[in-house]
Amino acid sequence: MARRPLSIVIAFLFAVLLAACAPTKLVLDESFLPVEGIVNARDLGGYMTADSLFVKSGLLIRGASLASAKDADLALLASLHTVKVIDFRTEAEKKGNEDKILPEATYVSLPITTSDAGGASAKIKTPKSADISKFIVYAAFNKKAQKKARELYPSLVMRPDCQRQFAAFLREVVNTEDGAVFFHCIMGKDRTGFATAFLLSALGVDRESIIADFDKTNLVYGDDVVKACRKVKSMGGKEEELAVVKVFVGANKDNFINALDLIDAEYGSMDAYLRGPLGLTDADIATLKGRYLTRH
């Protein structure tokens, strides 16, 4: 039996667990869409920029995958004139969990992974669904999982292959002349969170708001993080073990801030990063601001 990379196993199992636990039609604040089968779906509209402009509502939507989207959810996205769906999942992540079709939208696959092709795979057997909670505890004590938890966010912002895909994402948004864009990964938190950060940064939204947007994911998954951490602690887990849960079940705000600081340290600023490896030009930024910002 072929071994699966640990990152894929962890992501898949946590996605299954959290999909089972996710509340239905939970509107946590006005940015969350009133949907039943799309977890962590949010409208980026309303954020204010340094120029006292506001991100337009109904045009930039982030979320988890559309694999479990209900007809009413798809109808809502269609009502927003969603013309493009951008998927950051790998082929392995999509297998058996393909997005539901949004008829009027163009589907763009931009897989982002921090796992090296042909790299070492963990000697780990994928458990049955009934054993997922046990798997979370097992993964927390796994040295490869701990290493993955430490390296995930730095890898997302520093690996050239990840940078190329984020650059391609921004290019897709720049080239969408009319209608809304929906972008997602499995759970709508890490890859989607960084894509959101880069997009909001290009629009001129301040870092504090970007961090707050990233942390909103924990309004959705926070209870699951607490439960999993409690179980890991009961098994003798310390900070290193808890970090695995916080990264893979929730959105680790501290790690996110550290990743933003790493960008500043390596490139001088977020603006330099956007114009460097992410490939935005002055004209691109002007296009984004002209299309997605408003005075009201």
Protein backbone atom coordinates (compact mmCIF):
# COMPACT_ATOMS: atom_id res chain seq x y z
CA MET A 1 0.00 0.00 0.00
CA ALA A 2 1.41 3.38 -0.97
CA ARG A 3 2.34 5.72 1.84
CA ARG A 4 0.66 9.09 1.91
CA PRO A 5 2.57 12.24 2.87
CA LEU A 6 1.73 13.16 6.45
CA SER A 7 0.60 16.66 5.49
CA ILE A 8 -2.10 15.23 3.17
CA VAL A 9 -3.25 12.72 5.76
CA ILE A 10 -3.50 15.36 8.48
CA ALA A 11 -5.28 17.88 6.27
CA PHE A 12 -7.75 15.31 5.00
CA LEU A 13 -8.62 13.90 8.39
CA PHE A 14 -9.00 17.26 10.08
CA ALA A 15 -11.19 18.41 7.22
CA VAL A 16 -13.43 15.36 7.68
CA LEU A 17 -13.60 15.87 11.43
CA LEU A 18 -14.37 19.56 11.26
CA ALA A 19 -16.90 19.15 8.48
CA ALA A 20 -18.76 16.80 10.78
CA CYS A 21 -18.57 19.27 13.66
CA ALA A 22 -19.19 22.48 11.72
CA PRO A 23 -22.32 24.39 12.70
CA THR A 24 -24.93 24.98 10.02
CA LYS A 25 -26.02 28.42 8.90
CA LEU A 26 -23.93 30.01 11.62
CA VAL A 27 -23.50 33.73 11.01
CA LEU A 28 -20.73 34.84 13.37
CA ASP A 29 -20.58 38.42 12.14
CA GLU A 30 -21.72 40.26 9.06
CA SER A 31 -18.73 39.11 7.01
CA PHE A 32 -19.79 35.45 7.23
CA LEU A 33 -22.10 34.28 4.48
CA PRO A 34 -25.35 32.59 5.61
CA VAL A 35 -24.50 29.25 4.03
CA GLU A 36 -24.94 25.70 5.25
CA GLY A 37 -22.39 23.65 3.35
CA ILE A 38 -19.46 26.04 2.86
CA VAL A 39 -17.46 26.39 6.06
CA ASN A 40 -15.75 29.67 6.93
CA ALA A 41 -17.25 31.50 3.94
CA ARG A 42 -16.67 35.25 4.25
CA ASP A 43 -17.05 38.44 2.26
CA LEU A 44 -13.93 40.62 2.39
CA GLY A 45 -15.98 43.76 1.85
CA GLY A 46 -15.92 46.54 4.41
CA TYR A 47 -12.25 46.74 5.35
CA MET A 48 -10.89 50.29 5.32
CA THR A 49 -7.64 51.19 3.59
CA ALA A 50 -4.95 53.73 4.46
CA ASP A 51 -6.60 56.08 1.96
CA SER A 52 -9.92 55.90 3.84
CA LEU A 53 -11.48 53.84 1.07
CA PHE A 54 -13.39 50.60 1.66
CA VAL A 55 -13.21 47.16 0.07
CA LYS A 56 -16.40 46.64 -1.91
CA SER A 57 -18.79 43.98 -0.67
CA GLY A 58 -19.83 40.96 -2.69
CA LEU A 59 -16.79 40.76 -4.94
CA LEU A 60 -14.03 38.97 -3.00
CA ILE A 61 -15.21 35.86 -1.16
CA ARG A 62 -13.03 33.44 0.78
CA GLY A 63 -14.01 30.09 2.24
CA ALA A 64 -13.56 26.35 2.49
CA SER A 65 -14.15 24.05 -0.45
CA LEU A 66 -17.45 23.72 -2.31
CA ALA A 67 -17.44 19.94 -1.95
CA SER A 68 -20.33 20.01 0.55
CA ALA A 69 -22.07 23.11 -0.79
CA LYS A 70 -25.87 22.95 -0.82
CA ASP A 71 -27.98 24.12 -3.75
CA ALA A 72 -28.95 27.20 -1.73
CA ASP A 73 -25.26 27.97 -1.10
CA LEU A 74 -24.47 27.80 -4.79
CA ALA A 75 -27.50 29.95 -5.52
CA LEU A 76 -26.17 32.58 -3.11
CA LEU A 77 -22.77 32.61 -4.83
CA ALA A 78 -24.53 32.82 -8.19
CA SER A 79 -26.59 35.76 -6.95
CA LEU A 80 -23.30 37.56 -6.23
CA HIS A 81 -22.38 37.00 -9.89
CA THR A 82 -19.46 34.75 -8.96
CA VAL A 83 -17.56 34.34 -12.21
CA LYS A 84 -14.40 32.63 -10.96
CA VAL A 85 -13.65 29.90 -8.40
CA ILE A 86 -9.98 29.52 -7.46
CA ASP A 87 -9.01 26.27 -5.73
CA PHE A 88 -5.69 25.94 -3.85
CA ARG A 89 -6.11 22.22 -3.14
CA THR A 90 -3.87 19.56 -4.65
CA GLU A 91 -5.26 16.76 -6.81
CA ALA A 92 -4.90 14.35 -3.89
CA GLU A 93 -6.92 16.69 -1.66
CA LYS A 94 -9.64 17.07 -4.28
CA LYS A 95 -10.06 13.36 -4.99
CA GLY A 96 -13.52 12.36 -3.81
CA ASN A 97 -14.11 15.92 -2.59
CA GLU A 98 -14.50 17.80 -5.85
CA ASP A 99 -16.13 21.22 -5.80
CA LYS A 100 -19.80 21.41 -6.63
CA ILE A 101 -20.29 23.12 -9.97
CA LEU A 102 -21.20 26.78 -10.11
CA PRO A 103 -22.53 26.93 -13.70
CA GLU A 104 -21.58 30.49 -14.61
CA ALA A 105 -18.13 30.40 -13.01
CA THR A 106 -14.72 29.57 -14.46
CA TYR A 107 -12.86 27.05 -12.30
CA VAL A 108 -9.14 27.72 -11.77
CA SER A 109 -6.90 25.15 -10.10
CA LEU A 110 -3.82 26.63 -8.38
CA PRO A 111 -2.59 23.86 -6.08
CA ILE A 112 -0.36 25.03 -3.25
CA THR A 113 1.54 22.51 -1.18
CA THR A 114 4.49 22.62 1.18
CA SER A 115 5.23 18.92 0.65
CA ASP A 116 8.14 18.07 -1.61
CA ALA A 117 7.23 15.86 -4.53
CA GLY A 118 8.97 12.57 -4.02
CA GLY A 119 9.98 13.59 -0.53
CA ALA A 120 9.84 11.48 2.57
CA SER A 121 6.44 10.13 3.46
CA ALA A 122 5.42 9.35 6.98
CA LYS A 123 5.02 5.71 7.89
CA ILE A 124 1.47 6.23 8.90
CA LYS A 125 -1.72 4.35 8.15
CA THR A 126 -4.80 6.42 7.45
CA PRO A 127 -7.35 5.57 10.17
CA LYS A 128 -11.01 4.94 9.60
CA SER A 129 -13.39 7.82 10.28
CA ALA A 130 -14.30 6.37 13.68
CA ASP A 131 -10.67 6.71 14.75
CA ILE A 132 -10.13 10.31 13.68
CA SER A 133 -10.13 11.72 17.21
CA LYS A 134 -7.45 9.18 18.15
CA PHE A 135 -5.49 10.15 15.06
CA ILE A 136 -5.41 13.80 16.18
CA VAL A 137 -3.75 12.77 19.43
CA TYR A 138 -1.38 10.47 17.55
CA ALA A 139 -0.41 13.20 15.09
CA ALA A 140 0.25 15.69 17.88
CA PHE A 141 2.96 13.41 19.27
CA ASN A 142 4.42 12.62 15.85
CA LYS A 143 7.78 14.35 15.26
CA LYS A 144 7.09 14.79 11.55
CA ALA A 145 3.76 16.43 12.36
CA GLN A 146 5.47 18.73 14.86
CA LYS A 147 8.07 19.68 12.25
CA LYS A 148 5.31 20.30 9.71
CA ALA A 149 3.46 22.53 12.18
CA ARG A 150 6.59 24.65 12.73
CA GLU A 151 7.44 24.97 9.05
CA LEU A 152 4.02 25.31 7.42
CA TYR A 153 3.59 29.10 7.44
CA PRO A 154 7.22 30.00 6.69
CA SER A 155 7.11 27.55 3.80
CA LEU A 156 3.92 29.08 2.41
CA VAL A 157 5.47 32.53 2.18
CA MET A 158 9.07 31.63 1.30
CA ARG A 159 9.01 28.61 -1.01
CA PRO A 160 9.34 29.73 -4.66
CA ASP A 161 6.68 27.27 -5.81
CA CYS A 162 4.19 28.63 -3.27
CA GLN A 163 5.08 32.19 -4.22
CA ARG A 164 4.44 31.40 -7.90
CA GLN A 165 0.97 30.09 -7.09
CA PHE A 166 0.09 33.08 -4.94
CA ALA A 167 1.34 35.29 -7.75
CA ALA A 168 -0.90 33.39 -10.17
CA PHE A 169 -3.82 33.89 -7.78
CA LEU A 170 -3.30 37.65 -7.70
CA ARG A 171 -3.00 37.65 -11.50
CA GLU A 172 -6.36 35.85 -11.75
CA VAL A 173 -7.98 38.48 -9.55
CA VAL A 174 -6.39 41.32 -11.55
CA ASN A 175 -7.67 39.76 -14.77
CA THR A 176 -11.25 39.32 -13.52
CA GLU A 177 -12.85 42.38 -15.02
CA ASP A 178 -16.40 41.83 -13.81
CA GLY A 179 -18.10 39.74 -11.14
CA ALA A 180 -17.08 38.12 -7.88
CA VAL A 181 -14.16 35.79 -7.16
CA PHE A 182 -14.49 32.90 -4.68
CA PHE A 183 -11.20 31.35 -3.51
CA HIS A 184 -10.61 28.45 -1.17
CA CYS A 185 -8.51 25.53 0.01
CA ILE A 186 -9.82 22.63 2.14
CA MET A 187 -10.82 24.47 5.29
CA GLY A 188 -10.45 28.07 4.14
CA LYS A 189 -7.81 28.96 6.70
CA ASP A 190 -4.07 28.67 5.89
CA ARG A 191 -3.55 28.92 2.13
CA THR A 192 -6.75 30.92 1.81
CA GLY A 193 -5.70 33.05 4.77
CA PHE A 194 -2.38 34.01 3.20
CA ALA A 195 -4.01 34.64 -0.18
CA THR A 196 -6.41 36.98 1.60
CA ALA A 197 -3.54 38.72 3.37
CA PHE A 198 -1.71 39.37 0.11
CA LEU A 199 -4.86 40.60 -1.62
CA LEU A 200 -5.87 42.93 1.22
CA SER A 201 -2.30 44.21 1.46
CA ALA A 202 -2.33 45.07 -2.25
CA LEU A 203 -5.56 46.98 -1.68
CA GLY A 204 -3.98 48.99 1.14
CA VAL A 205 -5.68 47.42 4.16
CA ASP A 206 -3.64 47.78 7.36
CA ARG A 207 -1.87 44.84 8.98
CA GLU A 208 -3.99 44.91 12.13
CA SER A 209 -7.15 44.34 10.08
CA ILE A 210 -5.44 41.62 8.04
CA ILE A 211 -4.44 39.77 11.22
CA ALA A 212 -7.97 40.17 12.60
CA ASP A 213 -9.40 38.70 9.38
CA PHE A 214 -7.05 35.73 9.61
CA ASP A 215 -8.03 35.17 13.24
CA LYS A 216 -11.76 35.10 12.39
CA THR A 217 -11.21 31.51 11.29
CA ASN A 218 -10.93 30.63 14.97
CA LEU A 219 -14.52 31.76 15.50
CA VAL A 220 -15.41 28.76 13.36
CA TYR A 221 -12.88 26.19 14.52
CA GLY A 222 -12.06 27.46 18.01
CA ASP A 223 -14.22 24.96 19.91
CA ASP A 224 -12.61 22.08 18.03
CA VAL A 225 -9.15 23.40 18.90
CA VAL A 226 -10.07 23.55 22.60
CA LYS A 227 -11.44 20.01 22.59
CA ALA A 228 -8.45 18.58 20.77
CA CYS A 229 -5.97 20.44 23.00
CA ARG A 230 -7.76 19.17 26.09
CA LYS A 231 -7.38 15.61 24.85
CA VAL A 232 -3.71 16.08 23.98
CA LYS A 233 -3.03 17.60 27.42
CA SER A 234 -4.71 14.63 29.07
CA MET A 235 -2.21 12.42 27.26
CA GLY A 236 0.72 14.44 28.59
CA GLY A 237 1.15 16.77 25.66
CA LYS A 238 3.09 20.01 26.09
CA GLU A 239 3.45 23.11 23.92
CA GLU A 240 5.06 21.27 21.00
CA GLU A 241 2.21 18.77 20.84
CA LEU A 242 -0.43 21.47 21.30
CA ALA A 243 1.12 23.47 18.45
CA VAL A 244 0.20 20.68 16.03
CA VAL A 245 -3.45 20.99 17.00
CA LYS A 246 -3.41 24.79 16.84
CA VAL A 247 -1.92 24.79 13.34
CA PHE A 248 -3.85 21.99 11.71
CA VAL A 249 -7.23 22.35 13.42
CA GLY A 250 -7.36 26.14 13.81
CA ALA A 251 -5.53 29.14 12.41
CA ASN A 252 -2.44 29.95 14.46
CA LYS A 253 -2.42 33.74 14.74
CA ASP A 254 1.03 33.92 16.34
CA ASN A 255 2.56 31.84 13.56
CA PHE A 256 0.77 34.03 11.01
CA ILE A 257 2.22 37.20 12.54
CA ASN A 258 5.67 35.59 12.57
CA ALA A 259 5.28 34.77 8.87
CA LEU A 260 4.41 38.40 8.10
CA ASP A 261 7.45 39.49 10.10
CA LEU A 262 9.55 37.00 8.13
CA ILE A 263 8.40 38.64 4.88
CA ASP A 264 9.45 42.03 6.24
CA ALA A 265 12.81 40.67 7.36
CA GLU A 266 13.58 38.96 4.05
CA TYR A 267 12.09 41.49 1.60
CA GLY A 268 11.98 44.74 3.54
CA SER A 269 8.20 45.14 3.46
CA MET A 270 5.00 43.53 2.32
CA ASP A 271 4.87 45.97 -0.58
CA ALA A 272 8.30 44.81 -1.77
CA TYR A 273 7.15 41.20 -1.46
CA LEU A 274 4.03 41.88 -3.53
CA ARG A 275 6.04 43.63 -6.22
CA GLY A 276 8.86 41.09 -6.07
CA PRO A 277 8.06 37.35 -5.95
CA LEU A 278 4.30 37.92 -6.23
CA GLY A 279 4.79 39.96 -9.40
CA LEU A 280 2.40 42.87 -8.97
CA THR A 281 3.11 46.08 -10.87
CA ASP A 282 1.97 49.63 -10.21
CA ALA A 283 -0.63 49.13 -12.94
CA ASP A 284 -1.88 45.90 -11.32
CA ILE A 285 -2.28 47.57 -7.93
CA ALA A 286 -4.06 50.51 -9.53
CA THR A 287 -6.40 48.07 -11.30
CA LEU A 288 -7.16 46.22 -8.07
CA LYS A 289 -7.83 49.43 -6.17
CA GLY A 290 -9.96 50.87 -8.94
CA ARG A 291 -12.09 47.74 -9.17
CA TYR A 292 -12.42 46.65 -5.55
CA LEU A 293 -12.37 49.88 -3.51
CA THR A 294 -15.08 52.45 -2.92
CA ARG A 295 -15.52 55.62 -0.89
CA HIS A 296 -18.64 54.30 0.83
